[in-house]
């Protein structure tokens, strides 16, 4: 059985190999990346917070779908983005 320490290290490595990364911001180099936050173990969530998330999910999904399907909006919004 793996220890929590081993599981933590392996999970961080998996995150790096699968591009689950984010910039650290501030004065750090733009190429300085760390793994995005994640949880290895379940943590309690108040029922009210769960219900709020469920209620917002449909609204959020509709917004994402509308943005993703609006090609002109995406072109205008992302025209100055660097790749």
C-alpha atoms as a PDB file:
ATOM      1  CA  UNK A   1       0.000   0.000   0.000  1.00  0.00           C
ATOM      2  CA  UNK A   2       1.309   3.433  -0.925  1.00  0.00           C
ATOM      3  CA  UNK A   3       1.956   6.000   1.732  1.00  0.00           C
ATOM      4  CA  UNK A   4       0.344   9.417   1.481  1.00  0.00           C
ATOM      5  CA  UNK A   5       3.783  10.932   0.840  1.00  0.00           C
ATOM      6  CA  UNK A   6       4.424   8.614  -2.124  1.00  0.00           C
ATOM      7  CA  UNK A   7       0.930   9.218  -3.466  1.00  0.00           C
ATOM      8  CA  UNK A   8       1.476  12.980  -3.221  1.00  0.00           C
ATOM      9  CA  UNK A   9       4.744  12.856  -5.180  1.00  0.00           C
ATOM     10  CA  UNK A  10       3.276  10.570  -7.847  1.00  0.00           C
ATOM     11  CA  UNK A  11       0.179  12.762  -8.189  1.00  0.00           C
ATOM     12  CA  UNK A  12       2.279  15.887  -8.649  1.00  0.00           C
ATOM     13  CA  UNK A  13       4.335  14.108 -11.309  1.00  0.00           C
ATOM     14  CA  UNK A  14       1.136  12.991 -13.061  1.00  0.00           C
ATOM     15  CA  UNK A  15      -0.121  16.593 -13.007  1.00  0.00           C
ATOM     16  CA  UNK A  16       3.095  17.801 -14.653  1.00  0.00           C
ATOM     17  CA  UNK A  17       3.051  15.056 -17.313  1.00  0.00           C
ATOM     18  CA  UNK A  18      -0.577  15.807 -18.163  1.00  0.00           C
ATOM     19  CA  UNK A  19      -0.290  19.619 -18.280  1.00  0.00           C
ATOM     20  CA  UNK A  20      -2.311  20.226 -15.121  1.00  0.00           C
ATOM     21  CA  UNK A  21      -0.134  23.291 -14.557  1.00  0.00           C
ATOM     22  CA  UNK A  22      -0.462  26.994 -13.861  1.00  0.00           C
ATOM     23  CA  UNK A  23       1.887  29.968 -13.709  1.00  0.00           C
ATOM     24  CA  UNK A  24       2.986  31.224 -10.324  1.00  0.00           C
ATOM     25  CA  UNK A  25       2.543  34.889 -11.256  1.00  0.00           C
ATOM     26  CA  UNK A  26       4.268  37.805  -9.609  1.00  0.00           C
ATOM     27  CA  UNK A  27       7.885  38.419 -10.592  1.00  0.00           C
ATOM     28  CA  UNK A  28       8.471  34.791 -11.578  1.00  0.00           C
ATOM     29  CA  UNK A  29       9.414  33.881 -15.118  1.00  0.00           C
ATOM     30  CA  UNK A  30       6.406  33.111 -17.349  1.00  0.00           C
ATOM     31  CA  UNK A  31       7.881  29.645 -17.812  1.00  0.00           C
ATOM     32  CA  UNK A  32       7.845  28.971 -14.050  1.00  0.00           C
ATOM     33  CA  UNK A  33       4.932  26.574 -13.594  1.00  0.00           C
ATOM     34  CA  UNK A  34       3.520  24.597 -10.687  1.00  0.00           C
ATOM     35  CA  UNK A  35       0.822  21.942 -10.590  1.00  0.00           C
ATOM     36  CA  UNK A  36      -2.723  23.227 -10.226  1.00  0.00           C
ATOM     37  CA  UNK A  37      -4.320  22.616  -6.841  1.00  0.00           C
ATOM     38  CA  UNK A  38      -5.969  19.241  -6.380  1.00  0.00           C
ATOM     39  CA  UNK A  39      -7.129  17.047  -3.541  1.00  0.00           C
ATOM     40  CA  UNK A  40      -5.977  13.484  -2.952  1.00  0.00           C
ATOM     41  CA  UNK A  41      -8.471  12.717  -0.233  1.00  0.00           C
ATOM     42  CA  UNK A  42     -12.162  13.451   0.116  1.00  0.00           C
ATOM     43  CA  UNK A  43     -13.029  16.496   2.135  1.00  0.00           C
ATOM     44  CA  UNK A  44     -16.379  17.420   3.642  1.00  0.00           C
ATOM     45  CA  UNK A  45     -18.510  19.926   1.790  1.00  0.00           C
ATOM     46  CA  UNK A  46     -21.517  21.583   3.366  1.00  0.00           C
ATOM     47  CA  UNK A  47     -24.779  20.566   1.679  1.00  0.00           C
ATOM     48  CA  UNK A  48     -25.589  24.232   1.003  1.00  0.00           C
ATOM     49  CA  UNK A  49     -22.333  24.659  -0.943  1.00  0.00           C
ATOM     50  CA  UNK A  50     -23.041  21.496  -2.944  1.00  0.00           C
ATOM     51  CA  UNK A  51     -26.554  22.672  -3.776  1.00  0.00           C
ATOM     52  CA  UNK A  52     -25.245  26.080  -4.811  1.00  0.00           C
ATOM     53  CA  UNK A  53     -22.751  24.397  -7.152  1.00  0.00           C
ATOM     54  CA  UNK A  54     -25.484  22.255  -8.685  1.00  0.00           C
ATOM     55  CA  UNK A  55     -27.683  25.320  -9.199  1.00  0.00           C
ATOM     56  CA  UNK A  56     -24.860  27.244 -10.884  1.00  0.00           C
ATOM     57  CA  UNK A  57     -23.682  24.356 -13.072  1.00  0.00           C
ATOM     58  CA  UNK A  58     -26.444  24.692 -15.668  1.00  0.00           C
ATOM     59  CA  UNK A  59     -25.966  28.470 -15.949  1.00  0.00           C
ATOM     60  CA  UNK A  60     -22.193  28.079 -16.238  1.00  0.00           C
ATOM     61  CA  UNK A  61     -22.479  25.304 -18.827  1.00  0.00           C
ATOM     62  CA  UNK A  62     -24.820  27.408 -20.954  1.00  0.00           C
ATOM     63  CA  UNK A  63     -22.406  30.350 -20.777  1.00  0.00           C
ATOM     64  CA  UNK A  64     -19.428  28.182 -21.813  1.00  0.00           C
ATOM     65  CA  UNK A  65     -21.415  26.677 -24.686  1.00  0.00           C
ATOM     66  CA  UNK A  66     -22.521  30.123 -25.920  1.00  0.00           C
ATOM     67  CA  UNK A  67     -18.975  31.470 -25.821  1.00  0.00           C
ATOM     68  CA  UNK A  68     -17.458  28.385 -27.451  1.00  0.00           C
ATOM     69  CA  UNK A  69     -19.960  28.467 -30.310  1.00  0.00           C
ATOM     70  CA  UNK A  70     -19.564  32.209 -31.048  1.00  0.00           C
ATOM     71  CA  UNK A  71     -16.685  32.127 -33.505  1.00  0.00           C
ATOM     72  CA  UNK A  72     -16.628  35.879 -34.147  1.00  0.00           C
ATOM     73  CA  UNK A  73     -16.556  36.678 -30.432  1.00  0.00           C
ATOM     74  CA  UNK A  74     -13.673  34.256 -29.933  1.00  0.00           C
ATOM     75  CA  UNK A  75     -11.702  35.710 -32.854  1.00  0.00           C
ATOM     76  CA  UNK A  76     -12.122  39.273 -31.547  1.00  0.00           C
ATOM     77  CA  UNK A  77     -11.366  38.327 -27.964  1.00  0.00           C
ATOM     78  CA  UNK A  78      -8.306  36.221 -28.735  1.00  0.00           C
ATOM     79  CA  UNK A  79      -6.822  38.176 -31.650  1.00  0.00           C
ATOM     80  CA  UNK A  80      -4.132  39.719 -29.464  1.00  0.00           C
ATOM     81  CA  UNK A  81      -3.297  36.537 -27.572  1.00  0.00           C
ATOM     82  CA  UNK A  82       0.193  35.139 -27.871  1.00  0.00           C
ATOM     83  CA  UNK A  83       0.570  31.446 -28.563  1.00  0.00           C
END
